[in-house]
Amino acid sequence: MVVKLMPFCPSLSQKPLPKQVQIRTQMKYTTTRRPEILTSSAAASSTSASGLRVFVLSDLHTDYSENMTWVKCLSTTRHKKDVLLVAGDVAEKYDDFVLTMSLLKDRFQRVLFVPGNHDLWCRGEENDFPDSLEKLNKLLDACRGLGVEINPVVIDGLGIIPLFSWYHESFDREKDISGIRILPLEMVIHFLFSLQDLCPEKRMLFYPNLPKIIGSDFLELRIRFIHRAMGSTSACHVFGHTHFSWDAVLDGIRYVQAPLAYPRERKRRMNGGENQLPYCVYSDGKFADKLSHCCWSDYYATNPRSPDITELAPWVARFYNRTWKSEF
């Protein structure tokens, strides 16, 4: 999801880059065309965004009762004039999704949403949804009914552009980990990145093949079209799906992930940033300071990536030694 101070309103019907023409053709019959950015003449001419606050949150996973309780405990008065961006993975079950989005809409003046992979899973709901595309349409209908926004908008001069996307295995260009029996990808399907630098190196991950199912070069092309090639200090890209708190600037663009994540991850304080949720990314007419205590993006702020090193990190090696030893 892109958040950008916008002196103009670009049309999402434009062809941003030649490489995307083929993708649009392939997706023509499986997607619904969304309207152009919605704005009023007053909003378009607005030069002041004072008072507007925008919060971000991802990976709510309210199928877990602890996470649903967390949502219910959000203040019912504090955010009545605020905007919330929900960057995917709200809930796997349709009823939990609808309840969660209803609770959020009751607490925030405006809520914008992009779907995550868990939202689209049909696991346990085969009788209700024959496939993920049918479920996607149902979720979007529910959002419209609740007043949750899924289209690009301009609010007090701040443009917010939800980007629907999926992953491509070709996104992963770093050397694979060999010599160990890696857990299957089906166990850890989370997405969606535009740059592989937004994920720890494979040797650091309990699931080293994760980069194959988390990102898309086509998404990066879209982001670069919106932000321009060199990026902008007046914009940022909000994402979710891997449960790593992240706040970093790469090639001129700020990337922010603020996940609630799974209860066990919060208890272990694995990812950082949980005490700032939902995270206020924009207020008083400017983007907020860096999200604090983002373990991995803080690490890479001072340490270079070394993807050619494939020796497992000690904690990953111990994990695999325990995992496969327990099978014998």
C-alpha atoms as a PDB file:
ATOM      1  CA  MET A   1       0.000   0.000   0.000  1.00  0.00           C
ATOM      2  CA  VAL A   2       1.455   3.342  -1.062  1.00  0.00           C
ATOM      3  CA  VAL A   3       1.038   6.488   1.013  1.00  0.00           C
ATOM      4  CA  LYS A   4       2.128   9.678  -0.735  1.00  0.00           C
ATOM      5  CA  LEU A   5       1.691  13.440  -0.550  1.00  0.00           C
ATOM      6  CA  MET A   6       0.140  14.054  -3.953  1.00  0.00           C
ATOM      7  CA  PRO A   7      -0.118  17.365  -5.815  1.00  0.00           C
ATOM      8  CA  PHE A   8      -1.865  15.420  -8.587  1.00  0.00           C
ATOM      9  CA  CYS A   9      -4.072  12.359  -9.001  1.00  0.00           C
ATOM     10  CA  PRO A  10      -2.539   9.766 -11.353  1.00  0.00           C
ATOM     11  CA  SER A  11      -4.899   7.323 -13.014  1.00  0.00           C
ATOM     12  CA  LEU A  12      -4.406   3.657 -12.277  1.00  0.00           C
ATOM     13  CA  SER A  13      -5.655   2.950 -15.788  1.00  0.00           C
ATOM     14  CA  GLN A  14      -2.416   4.321 -17.240  1.00  0.00           C
ATOM     15  CA  LYS A  15       0.192   1.858 -18.531  1.00  0.00           C
ATOM     16  CA  PRO A  16       3.121   2.499 -16.177  1.00  0.00           C
ATOM     17  CA  LEU A  17       5.780   0.354 -17.815  1.00  0.00           C
ATOM     18  CA  PRO A  18       5.868  -1.811 -20.941  1.00  0.00           C
ATOM     19  CA  LYS A  19       6.610  -4.950 -18.939  1.00  0.00           C
ATOM     20  CA  GLN A  20       3.240  -4.709 -17.234  1.00  0.00           C
ATOM     21  CA  VAL A  21       1.177  -4.754 -20.415  1.00  0.00           C
ATOM     22  CA  GLN A  22       1.479  -8.539 -20.709  1.00  0.00           C
ATOM     23  CA  ILE A  23       0.554  -9.030 -17.058  1.00  0.00           C
ATOM     24  CA  ARG A  24      -2.549  -6.887 -17.441  1.00  0.00           C
ATOM     25  CA  THR A  25      -3.626  -8.951 -20.438  1.00  0.00           C
ATOM     26  CA  GLN A  26      -3.204 -12.210 -18.530  1.00  0.00           C
ATOM     27  CA  MET A  27      -5.174 -10.909 -15.549  1.00  0.00           C
ATOM     28  CA  LYS A  28      -7.952  -9.313 -17.601  1.00  0.00           C
ATOM     29  CA  TYR A  29     -10.428 -12.116 -17.098  1.00  0.00           C
ATOM     30  CA  THR A  30      -9.681 -12.835 -13.447  1.00  0.00           C
ATOM     31  CA  THR A  31      -9.800  -9.374 -11.922  1.00  0.00           C
ATOM     32  CA  THR A  32     -12.210  -6.524 -11.521  1.00  0.00           C
ATOM     33  CA  ARG A  33     -11.075  -3.147 -12.796  1.00  0.00           C
ATOM     34  CA  ARG A  34     -11.052  -0.605 -10.000  1.00  0.00           C
ATOM     35  CA  PRO A  35     -11.982   3.039 -10.511  1.00  0.00           C
ATOM     36  CA  GLU A  36      -9.485   5.867 -10.609  1.00  0.00           C
ATOM     37  CA  ILE A  37      -8.436   7.738  -7.484  1.00  0.00           C
ATOM     38  CA  LEU A  38     -11.459   9.173  -5.732  1.00  0.00           C
ATOM     39  CA  THR A  39     -11.265  12.762  -4.564  1.00  0.00           C
ATOM     40  CA  SER A  40     -13.411  15.817  -4.165  1.00  0.00           C
ATOM     41  CA  SER A  41     -12.569  19.222  -5.594  1.00  0.00           C
ATOM     42  CA  ALA A  42     -12.018  20.472  -2.064  1.00  0.00           C
ATOM     43  CA  ALA A  43      -9.617  17.652  -1.241  1.00  0.00           C
ATOM     44  CA  ALA A  44      -7.778  18.066  -4.528  1.00  0.00           C
ATOM     45  CA  SER A  45      -7.138  21.739  -3.851  1.00  0.00           C
ATOM     46  CA  SER A  46      -6.242  21.257  -0.209  1.00  0.00           C
ATOM     47  CA  THR A  47      -2.763  22.418   0.746  1.00  0.00           C
ATOM     48  CA  SER A  48      -2.927  21.590   4.421  1.00  0.00           C
ATOM     49  CA  ALA A  49      -3.054  18.152   5.996  1.00  0.00           C
ATOM     50  CA  SER A  50      -2.785  19.433   9.572  1.00  0.00           C
ATOM     51  CA  GLY A  51      -4.704  17.288  11.994  1.00  0.00           C
ATOM     52  CA  LEU A  52      -4.781  14.216   9.751  1.00  0.00           C
ATOM     53  CA  ARG A  53      -3.299  11.102  11.340  1.00  0.00           C
ATOM     54  CA  VAL A  54      -2.728   7.852   9.453  1.00  0.00           C
ATOM     55  CA  PHE A  55      -2.025   4.580  11.272  1.00  0.00           C
ATOM     56  CA  VAL A  56      -0.805   1.311   9.774  1.00  0.00           C
ATOM     57  CA  LEU A  57      -1.247  -2.306  10.829  1.00  0.00           C
ATOM     58  CA  SER A  58      -0.852  -5.711   9.200  1.00  0.00           C
ATOM     59  CA  ASP A  59      -1.083  -9.415   9.969  1.00  0.00           C
ATOM     60  CA  LEU A  60      -3.867  -9.226  12.546  1.00  0.00           C
ATOM     61  CA  HIS A  61      -4.646 -12.973  12.325  1.00  0.00           C
ATOM     62  CA  THR A  62      -7.772 -12.636  14.418  1.00  0.00           C
ATOM     63  CA  ASP A  63      -8.549 -16.335  14.013  1.00  0.00           C
ATOM     64  CA  TYR A  64      -6.439 -16.403  17.189  1.00  0.00           C
ATOM     65  CA  SER A  65      -8.628 -15.376  20.124  1.00  0.00           C
ATOM     66  CA  GLU A  66      -5.787 -13.360  21.691  1.00  0.00           C
ATOM     67  CA  ASN A  67      -5.531 -11.250  18.551  1.00  0.00           C
ATOM     68  CA  MET A  68      -9.279 -10.712  18.323  1.00  0.00           C
ATOM     69  CA  THR A  69      -9.204  -9.570  21.949  1.00  0.00           C
ATOM     70  CA  TRP A  70      -6.378  -7.159  21.073  1.00  0.00           C
ATOM     71  CA  VAL A  71      -8.537  -5.595  18.359  1.00  0.00           C
ATOM     72  CA  LYS A  72     -11.553  -5.361  20.674  1.00  0.00           C
ATOM     73  CA  CYS A  73      -9.387  -3.584  23.252  1.00  0.00           C
ATOM     74  CA  LEU A  74      -8.453  -0.765  20.865  1.00  0.00           C
ATOM     75  CA  SER A  75      -9.884   2.528  22.078  1.00  0.00           C
ATOM     76  CA  THR A  76     -13.381   3.309  20.822  1.00  0.00           C
ATOM     77  CA  THR A  77     -12.778   7.074  21.126  1.00  0.00           C
ATOM     78  CA  ARG A  78      -9.092   7.843  20.536  1.00  0.00           C
ATOM     79  CA  HIS A  79      -9.060   7.278  16.757  1.00  0.00           C
ATOM     80  CA  LYS A  80     -12.459   8.643  15.719  1.00  0.00           C
ATOM     81  CA  LYS A  81     -10.823  11.182  13.372  1.00  0.00           C
ATOM     82  CA  ASP A  82      -7.975   8.938  12.197  1.00  0.00           C
ATOM     83  CA  VAL A  83      -7.278   6.791   9.139  1.00  0.00           C
ATOM     84  CA  LEU A  84      -6.140   3.159   9.399  1.00  0.00           C
ATOM     85  CA  LEU A  85      -4.340   1.242   6.644  1.00  0.00           C
ATOM     86  CA  VAL A  86      -4.678  -2.540   6.977  1.00  0.00           C
ATOM     87  CA  ALA A  87      -1.981  -4.291   4.931  1.00  0.00           C
ATOM     88  CA  GLY A  88      -3.431  -7.787   4.698  1.00  0.00           C
ATOM     89  CA  ASP A  89      -3.810 -11.050   6.620  1.00  0.00           C
ATOM     90  CA  VAL A  90      -6.759 -10.053   8.774  1.00  0.00           C
ATOM     91  CA  ALA A  91      -8.284 -13.526   9.221  1.00  0.00           C
ATOM     92  CA  GLU A  92      -8.679 -16.821   7.378  1.00  0.00           C
ATOM     93  CA  LYS A  93     -12.341 -17.344   8.276  1.00  0.00           C
ATOM     94  CA  TYR A  94     -14.838 -15.076   6.555  1.00  0.00           C
ATOM     95  CA  ASP A  95     -16.881 -14.395   9.706  1.00  0.00           C
ATOM     96  CA  ASP A  96     -13.750 -13.443  11.660  1.00  0.00           C
ATOM     97  CA  PHE A  97     -12.698 -11.152   8.818  1.00  0.00           C
ATOM     98  CA  VAL A  98     -16.044  -9.342   8.769  1.00  0.00           C
ATOM     99  CA  LEU A  99     -16.116  -8.966  12.556  1.00  0.00           C
ATOM    100  CA  THR A 100     -12.552  -7.633  12.637  1.00  0.00           C
ATOM    101  CA  MET A 101     -13.095  -5.075   9.896  1.00  0.00           C
ATOM    102  CA  SER A 102     -16.348  -4.005  11.547  1.00  0.00           C
ATOM    103  CA  LEU A 103     -14.544  -3.439  14.850  1.00  0.00           C
ATOM    104  CA  LEU A 104     -11.822  -1.412  13.129  1.00  0.00           C
ATOM    105  CA  LYS A 105     -14.332   0.685  11.200  1.00  0.00           C
ATOM    106  CA  ASP A 106     -16.154   1.441  14.462  1.00  0.00           C
ATOM    107  CA  ARG A 107     -12.901   2.764  15.927  1.00  0.00           C
ATOM    108  CA  PHE A 108     -11.405   4.701  12.992  1.00  0.00           C
ATOM    109  CA  GLN A 109     -13.017   7.319  10.799  1.00  0.00           C
ATOM    110  CA  ARG A 110     -11.664   5.684   7.634  1.00  0.00           C
ATOM    111  CA  VAL A 111     -10.191   2.234   7.057  1.00  0.00           C
ATOM    112  CA  LEU A 112      -8.406   1.117   3.872  1.00  0.00           C
ATOM    113  CA  PHE A 113      -7.602  -2.522   3.148  1.00  0.00           C
ATOM    114  CA  VAL A 114      -5.587  -4.725   0.802  1.00  0.00           C
ATOM    115  CA  PRO A 115      -6.038  -8.522   1.001  1.00  0.00           C
ATOM    116  CA  GLY A 116      -3.319 -10.881   2.163  1.00  0.00           C
ATOM    117  CA  ASN A 117      -2.858 -14.554   1.387  1.00  0.00           C
ATOM    118  CA  HIS A 118      -4.500 -15.725   4.634  1.00  0.00           C
ATOM    119  CA  ASP A 119      -7.560 -13.657   3.822  1.00  0.00           C
ATOM    120  CA  LEU A 120      -7.898 -15.540   0.527  1.00  0.00           C
ATOM    121  CA  TRP A 121      -7.314 -19.068   1.790  1.00  0.00           C
ATOM    122  CA  CYS A 122     -10.328 -21.359   1.496  1.00  0.00           C
ATOM    123  CA  ARG A 123      -9.095 -23.825   4.074  1.00  0.00           C
ATOM    124  CA  GLY A 124     -12.110 -25.144   5.973  1.00  0.00           C
ATOM    125  CA  GLU A 125     -14.484 -23.026   3.899  1.00  0.00           C
ATOM    126  CA  GLU A 126     -14.616 -25.069   0.688  1.00  0.00           C
ATOM    127  CA  ASN A 127     -18.418 -25.242   0.776  1.00  0.00           C
ATOM    128  CA  ASP A 128     -18.671 -21.451   0.953  1.00  0.00           C
ATOM    129  CA  PHE A 129     -15.974 -20.506  -1.560  1.00  0.00           C
ATOM    130  CA  PRO A 130     -14.914 -22.757  -4.456  1.00  0.00           C
ATOM    131  CA  ASP A 131     -11.676 -20.802  -4.929  1.00  0.00           C
ATOM    132  CA  SER A 132      -9.741 -17.767  -3.707  1.00  0.00           C
ATOM    133  CA  LEU A 133     -11.017 -15.488  -6.476  1.00  0.00           C
ATOM    134  CA  GLU A 134     -14.587 -16.084  -5.374  1.00  0.00           C
ATOM    135  CA  LYS A 135     -13.590 -15.426  -1.776  1.00  0.00           C
ATOM    136  CA  LEU A 136     -11.775 -12.234  -2.793  1.00  0.00           C
ATOM    137  CA  ASN A 137     -14.925 -10.879  -4.410  1.00  0.00           C
ATOM    138  CA  LYS A 138     -16.910 -11.775  -1.288  1.00  0.00           C
ATOM    139  CA  LEU A 139     -14.399 -10.018   0.975  1.00  0.00           C
ATOM    140  CA  LEU A 140     -14.431  -6.897  -1.164  1.00  0.00           C
ATOM    141  CA  ASP A 141     -18.233  -6.880  -1.110  1.00  0.00           C
ATOM    142  CA  ALA A 142     -18.094  -7.113   2.687  1.00  0.00           C
ATOM    143  CA  CYS A 143     -15.660  -4.187   2.806  1.00  0.00           C
ATOM    144  CA  ARG A 144     -17.964  -2.055   0.691  1.00  0.00           C
ATOM    145  CA  GLY A 145     -20.878  -2.903   2.951  1.00  0.00           C
ATOM    146  CA  LEU A 146     -18.912  -1.893   6.045  1.00  0.00           C
ATOM    147  CA  GLY A 147     -17.569   1.304   4.517  1.00  0.00           C
ATOM    148  CA  VAL A 148     -14.007  -0.072   4.390  1.00  0.00           C
ATOM    149  CA  GLU A 149     -12.220   1.424   1.387  1.00  0.00           C
ATOM    150  CA  ILE A 150     -10.329  -0.610  -1.221  1.00  0.00           C
ATOM    151  CA  ASN A 151      -9.788   2.023  -3.929  1.00  0.00           C
ATOM    152  CA  PRO A 152      -7.207   4.825  -4.197  1.00  0.00           C
ATOM    153  CA  VAL A 153      -8.202   8.002  -2.400  1.00  0.00           C
ATOM    154  CA  VAL A 154      -6.860  11.459  -1.600  1.00  0.00           C
ATOM    155  CA  ILE A 155      -7.446  12.705   1.942  1.00  0.00           C
ATOM    156  CA  ASP A 156      -6.394  16.282   2.745  1.00  0.00           C
ATOM    157  CA  GLY A 157      -3.757  16.173   0.016  1.00  0.00           C
ATOM    158  CA  LEU A 158      -2.422  12.766   1.065  1.00  0.00           C
ATOM    159  CA  GLY A 159      -2.802  10.114  -1.626  1.00  0.00           C
ATOM    160  CA  ILE A 160      -3.338   6.522  -0.484  1.00  0.00           C
ATOM    161  CA  ILE A 161      -3.123   3.794  -3.130  1.00  0.00           C
ATOM    162  CA  PRO A 162      -3.977   0.175  -2.218  1.00  0.00           C
ATOM    163  CA  LEU A 163      -1.997  -2.206  -4.453  1.00  0.00           C
ATOM    164  CA  PHE A 164      -3.462  -5.680  -5.005  1.00  0.00           C
ATOM    165  CA  SER A 165      -0.743  -8.160  -5.965  1.00  0.00           C
ATOM    166  CA  TRP A 166       0.608 -11.708  -5.704  1.00  0.00           C
ATOM    167  CA  TYR A 167       4.003 -13.390  -5.591  1.00  0.00           C
ATOM    168  CA  HIS A 168       6.224 -14.823  -8.329  1.00  0.00           C
ATOM    169  CA  GLU A 169       8.942 -17.401  -7.663  1.00  0.00           C
ATOM    170  CA  SER A 170      11.272 -15.502 -10.016  1.00  0.00           C
ATOM    171  CA  PHE A 171      11.416 -12.790  -7.329  1.00  0.00           C
ATOM    172  CA  ASP A 172      13.989 -14.931  -5.471  1.00  0.00           C
ATOM    173  CA  ARG A 173      17.438 -14.396  -7.000  1.00  0.00           C
ATOM    174  CA  GLU A 174      19.659 -15.221  -4.034  1.00  0.00           C
ATOM    175  CA  LYS A 175      21.576 -18.466  -3.628  1.00  0.00           C
ATOM    176  CA  ASP A 176      19.560 -21.356  -2.173  1.00  0.00           C
ATOM    177  CA  ILE A 177      20.489 -23.158   1.035  1.00  0.00           C
ATOM    178  CA  SER A 178      21.643 -26.698   0.269  1.00  0.00           C
ATOM    179  CA  GLY A 179      22.562 -29.749   2.318  1.00  0.00           C
ATOM    180  CA  ILE A 180      19.554 -29.709   4.646  1.00  0.00           C
ATOM    181  CA  ARG A 181      15.997 -30.983   4.404  1.00  0.00           C
ATOM    182  CA  ILE A 182      14.007 -27.755   4.316  1.00  0.00           C
ATOM    183  CA  LEU A 183      10.429 -27.575   5.581  1.00  0.00           C
ATOM    184  CA  PRO A 184       7.868 -27.274   2.756  1.00  0.00           C
ATOM    185  CA  LEU A 185       6.628 -23.884   1.627  1.00  0.00           C
ATOM    186  CA  GLU A 186       3.003 -24.810   2.235  1.00  0.00           C
ATOM    187  CA  MET A 187       3.642 -24.378   5.936  1.00  0.00           C
ATOM    188  CA  VAL A 188       4.688 -20.738   5.688  1.00  0.00           C
ATOM    189  CA  ILE A 189       2.911 -18.950   2.865  1.00  0.00           C
ATOM    190  CA  HIS A 190       3.253 -15.252   3.627  1.00  0.00           C
ATOM    191  CA  PHE A 191       3.747 -12.442   1.182  1.00  0.00           C
ATOM    192  CA  LEU A 192       4.189  -9.756  -0.348  1.00  0.00           C
ATOM    193  CA  PHE A 193       7.371  -7.782  -0.942  1.00  0.00           C
ATOM    194  CA  SER A 194       8.600  -5.624  -3.767  1.00  0.00           C
ATOM    195  CA  LEU A 195      12.293  -6.021  -2.867  1.00  0.00           C
ATOM    196  CA  GLN A 196      14.164  -9.022  -1.508  1.00  0.00           C
ATOM    197  CA  ASP A 197      16.116  -6.647   0.732  1.00  0.00           C
ATOM    198  CA  LEU A 198      12.956  -6.421   2.866  1.00  0.00           C
ATOM    199  CA  CYS A 199      13.460  -9.980   4.098  1.00  0.00           C
ATOM    200  CA  PRO A 200      16.342 -11.446   6.132  1.00  0.00           C
ATOM    201  CA  GLU A 201      18.864 -13.574   4.266  1.00  0.00           C
ATOM    202  CA  LYS A 202      17.939 -17.223   3.776  1.00  0.00           C
ATOM    203  CA  ARG A 203      20.537 -18.466   6.246  1.00  0.00           C
ATOM    204  CA  MET A 204      18.799 -16.418   8.941  1.00  0.00           C
ATOM    205  CA  LEU A 205      15.329 -17.901   8.316  1.00  0.00           C
ATOM    206  CA  PHE A 206      13.697 -20.988   9.794  1.00  0.00           C
ATOM    207  CA  TYR A 207      12.164 -21.422   6.322  1.00  0.00           C
ATOM    208  CA  PRO A 208      14.985 -20.600   3.869  1.00  0.00           C
ATOM    209  CA  ASN A 209      12.751 -20.961   0.802  1.00  0.00           C
ATOM    210  CA  LEU A 210      10.445 -18.221   2.039  1.00  0.00           C
ATOM    211  CA  PRO A 211      11.728 -15.617  -0.481  1.00  0.00           C
ATOM    212  CA  LYS A 212      10.260 -17.700  -3.311  1.00  0.00           C
ATOM    213  CA  ILE A 213       6.725 -16.889  -2.174  1.00  0.00           C
ATOM    214  CA  ILE A 214       6.818 -13.376  -0.763  1.00  0.00           C
ATOM    215  CA  GLY A 215       7.370 -10.897  -3.559  1.00  0.00           C
ATOM    216  CA  SER A 216       7.019  -9.678  -7.088  1.00  0.00           C
ATOM    217  CA  ASP A 217       9.199  -7.646  -9.428  1.00  0.00           C
ATOM    218  CA  PHE A 218       6.014  -6.366 -11.058  1.00  0.00           C
ATOM    219  CA  LEU A 219       4.974  -4.813  -7.754  1.00  0.00           C
ATOM    220  CA  GLU A 220       8.288  -2.959  -7.578  1.00  0.00           C
ATOM    221  CA  LEU A 221       7.700  -1.634 -11.104  1.00  0.00           C
ATOM    222  CA  ARG A 222       4.336  -0.292 -10.007  1.00  0.00           C
ATOM    223  CA  ILE A 223       5.808   1.294  -6.876  1.00  0.00           C
ATOM    224  CA  ARG A 224       8.573   2.964  -8.885  1.00  0.00           C
ATOM    225  CA  PHE A 225       5.995   4.348 -11.279  1.00  0.00           C
ATOM    226  CA  ILE A 226       4.032   5.879  -8.426  1.00  0.00           C
ATOM    227  CA  HIS A 227       7.051   7.176  -6.492  1.00  0.00           C
ATOM    228  CA  ARG A 228       9.173   7.910  -9.558  1.00  0.00           C
ATOM    229  CA  ALA A 229      12.489   6.152 -10.087  1.00  0.00           C
ATOM    230  CA  MET A 230      14.444   7.988  -7.396  1.00  0.00           C
ATOM    231  CA  GLY A 231      11.772   7.753  -4.734  1.00  0.00           C
ATOM    232  CA  SER A 232      10.598  10.598  -2.521  1.00  0.00           C
ATOM    233  CA  THR A 233      10.879  11.690   1.088  1.00  0.00           C
ATOM    234  CA  SER A 234       7.194  12.650   0.928  1.00  0.00           C
ATOM    235  CA  ALA A 235       6.041   9.058   0.427  1.00  0.00           C
ATOM    236  CA  CYS A 236       6.306   5.547   1.794  1.00  0.00           C
ATOM    237  CA  HIS A 237       5.233   2.001   0.950  1.00  0.00           C
ATOM    238  CA  VAL A 238       3.334   0.074   3.627  1.00  0.00           C
ATOM    239  CA  PHE A 239       3.422  -3.726   3.426  1.00  0.00           C
ATOM    240  CA  GLY A 240       2.799  -6.829   5.492  1.00  0.00           C
ATOM    241  CA  HIS A 241       2.788 -10.631   5.581  1.00  0.00           C
ATOM    242  CA  THR A 242       6.119 -11.765   7.033  1.00  0.00           C
ATOM    243  CA  HIS A 243       5.612 -10.566  10.625  1.00  0.00           C
ATOM    244  CA  PHE A 244       8.942  -8.707  10.748  1.00  0.00           C
ATOM    245  CA  SER A 245       8.600  -5.131  11.995  1.00  0.00           C
ATOM    246  CA  TRP A 246      10.416  -3.126   9.345  1.00  0.00           C
ATOM    247  CA  ASP A 247      11.206   0.524   8.688  1.00  0.00           C
ATOM    248  CA  ALA A 248      13.920   1.243   6.160  1.00  0.00           C
ATOM    249  CA  VAL A 249      14.718   3.435   3.165  1.00  0.00           C
ATOM    250  CA  LEU A 250      15.865   1.586   0.038  1.00  0.00           C
ATOM    251  CA  ASP A 251      16.737   3.443  -3.152  1.00  0.00           C
ATOM    252  CA  GLY A 252      14.852   6.512  -2.026  1.00  0.00           C
ATOM    253  CA  ILE A 253      11.635   4.820  -0.883  1.00  0.00           C
ATOM    254  CA  ARG A 254      10.636   4.236   2.725  1.00  0.00           C
ATOM    255  CA  TYR A 255       9.198   0.761   3.417  1.00  0.00           C
ATOM    256  CA  VAL A 256       7.181   0.167   6.598  1.00  0.00           C
ATOM    257  CA  GLN A 257       5.740  -3.026   8.051  1.00  0.00           C
ATOM    258  CA  ALA A 258       3.869  -2.943  11.378  1.00  0.00           C
ATOM    259  CA  PRO A 259       2.540  -6.465  12.080  1.00  0.00           C
ATOM    260  CA  LEU A 260       0.524  -7.677  15.030  1.00  0.00           C
ATOM    261  CA  ALA A 261       1.662 -11.225  14.117  1.00  0.00           C
ATOM    262  CA  TYR A 262       0.931 -14.446  16.006  1.00  0.00           C
ATOM    263  CA  PRO A 263       0.496 -14.466  19.803  1.00  0.00           C
ATOM    264  CA  ARG A 264       3.500 -16.764  20.274  1.00  0.00           C
ATOM    265  CA  GLU A 265       5.684 -14.335  18.325  1.00  0.00           C
ATOM    266  CA  ARG A 266       4.670 -11.418  20.520  1.00  0.00           C
ATOM    267  CA  LYS A 267       5.274 -13.446  23.680  1.00  0.00           C
ATOM    268  CA  ARG A 268       8.783 -14.252  22.484  1.00  0.00           C
ATOM    269  CA  ARG A 269       9.316 -10.633  21.395  1.00  0.00           C
ATOM    270  CA  MET A 270      10.650 -12.037  18.139  1.00  0.00           C
ATOM    271  CA  ASN A 271       9.979  -9.118  15.812  1.00  0.00           C
ATOM    272  CA  GLY A 272       9.893  -5.865  17.748  1.00  0.00           C
ATOM    273  CA  GLY A 273       7.656  -2.837  17.349  1.00  0.00           C
ATOM    274  CA  GLU A 274       4.569  -4.413  18.930  1.00  0.00           C
ATOM    275  CA  ASN A 275       4.310  -1.739  21.626  1.00  0.00           C
ATOM    276  CA  GLN A 276       3.725   0.955  18.978  1.00  0.00           C
ATOM    277  CA  LEU A 277       0.735  -0.674  17.273  1.00  0.00           C
ATOM    278  CA  PRO A 278      -1.136   0.574  15.465  1.00  0.00           C
ATOM    279  CA  TYR A 279       1.801   2.655  14.224  1.00  0.00           C
ATOM    280  CA  CYS A 280       1.171   6.301  13.344  1.00  0.00           C
ATOM    281  CA  VAL A 281       3.004   6.738  10.047  1.00  0.00           C
ATOM    282  CA  TYR A 282       1.693  10.217   9.242  1.00  0.00           C
ATOM    283  CA  SER A 283       0.595  13.209  11.338  1.00  0.00           C
ATOM    284  CA  ASP A 284       0.767  17.014  11.377  1.00  0.00           C
ATOM    285  CA  GLY A 285       1.270  17.130   7.618  1.00  0.00           C
ATOM    286  CA  LYS A 286       4.380  14.938   7.538  1.00  0.00           C
ATOM    287  CA  PHE A 287       5.546  11.360   7.857  1.00  0.00           C
ATOM    288  CA  ALA A 288       6.402  10.205  11.348  1.00  0.00           C
ATOM    289  CA  ASP A 289       9.807   9.281  12.683  1.00  0.00           C
ATOM    290  CA  LYS A 290      11.093   5.752  12.300  1.00  0.00           C
ATOM    291  CA  LEU A 291       9.198   2.863  13.891  1.00  0.00           C
ATOM    292  CA  SER A 292      11.407   1.917  16.829  1.00  0.00           C
ATOM    293  CA  HIS A 293      12.890  -1.473  17.660  1.00  0.00           C
ATOM    294  CA  CYS A 294      12.572  -3.137  14.258  1.00  0.00           C
ATOM    295  CA  CYS A 295      14.961  -6.001  14.884  1.00  0.00           C
ATOM    296  CA  TRP A 296      15.797  -6.971  11.296  1.00  0.00           C
ATOM    297  CA  SER A 297      15.710  -3.623   9.524  1.00  0.00           C
ATOM    298  CA  ASP A 298      17.791  -2.196  12.386  1.00  0.00           C
ATOM    299  CA  TYR A 299      20.275  -5.030  11.854  1.00  0.00           C
ATOM    300  CA  TYR A 300      20.586  -4.356   8.131  1.00  0.00           C
ATOM    301  CA  ALA A 301      20.987  -0.636   8.742  1.00  0.00           C
ATOM    302  CA  THR A 302      24.509  -1.399   9.988  1.00  0.00           C
ATOM    303  CA  ASN A 303      25.261  -4.818   8.452  1.00  0.00           C
ATOM    304  CA  PRO A 304      25.484  -5.618   4.730  1.00  0.00           C
ATOM    305  CA  ARG A 305      23.529  -8.484   3.169  1.00  0.00           C
ATOM    306  CA  SER A 306      25.711 -11.506   2.384  1.00  0.00           C
ATOM    307  CA  PRO A 307      23.411 -13.800   0.374  1.00  0.00           C
ATOM    308  CA  ASP A 308      26.331 -15.861  -0.939  1.00  0.00           C
ATOM    309  CA  ILE A 309      26.944 -17.153   2.591  1.00  0.00           C
ATOM    310  CA  THR A 310      24.737 -20.236   2.936  1.00  0.00           C
ATOM    311  CA  GLU A 311      25.889 -21.594   6.295  1.00  0.00           C
ATOM    312  CA  LEU A 312      22.869 -21.578   8.567  1.00  0.00           C
ATOM    313  CA  ALA A 313      22.755 -19.102  11.414  1.00  0.00           C
ATOM    314  CA  PRO A 314      23.233 -20.863  14.791  1.00  0.00           C
ATOM    315  CA  TRP A 315      19.578 -20.563  15.853  1.00  0.00           C
ATOM    316  CA  VAL A 316      18.401 -21.946  12.502  1.00  0.00           C
ATOM    317  CA  ALA A 317      20.863 -24.840  12.666  1.00  0.00           C
ATOM    318  CA  ARG A 318      19.656 -25.720  16.169  1.00  0.00           C
ATOM    319  CA  PHE A 319      16.045 -25.602  14.949  1.00  0.00           C
ATOM    320  CA  TYR A 320      16.709 -28.092  12.156  1.00  0.00           C
ATOM    321  CA  ASN A 321      18.765 -30.365  14.385  1.00  0.00           C
ATOM    322  CA  ARG A 322      15.829 -30.573  16.820  1.00  0.00           C
ATOM    323  CA  THR A 323      13.208 -30.877  14.078  1.00  0.00           C
ATOM    324  CA  TRP A 324      14.688 -33.815  12.214  1.00  0.00           C
ATOM    325  CA  LYS A 325      16.122 -35.508  15.306  1.00  0.00           C
ATOM    326  CA  SER A 326      12.601 -35.735  16.754  1.00  0.00           C
ATOM    327  CA  GLU A 327      11.471 -37.774  13.730  1.00  0.00           C
ATOM    328  CA  PHE A 328      13.812 -40.669  14.446  1.00  0.00           C
END
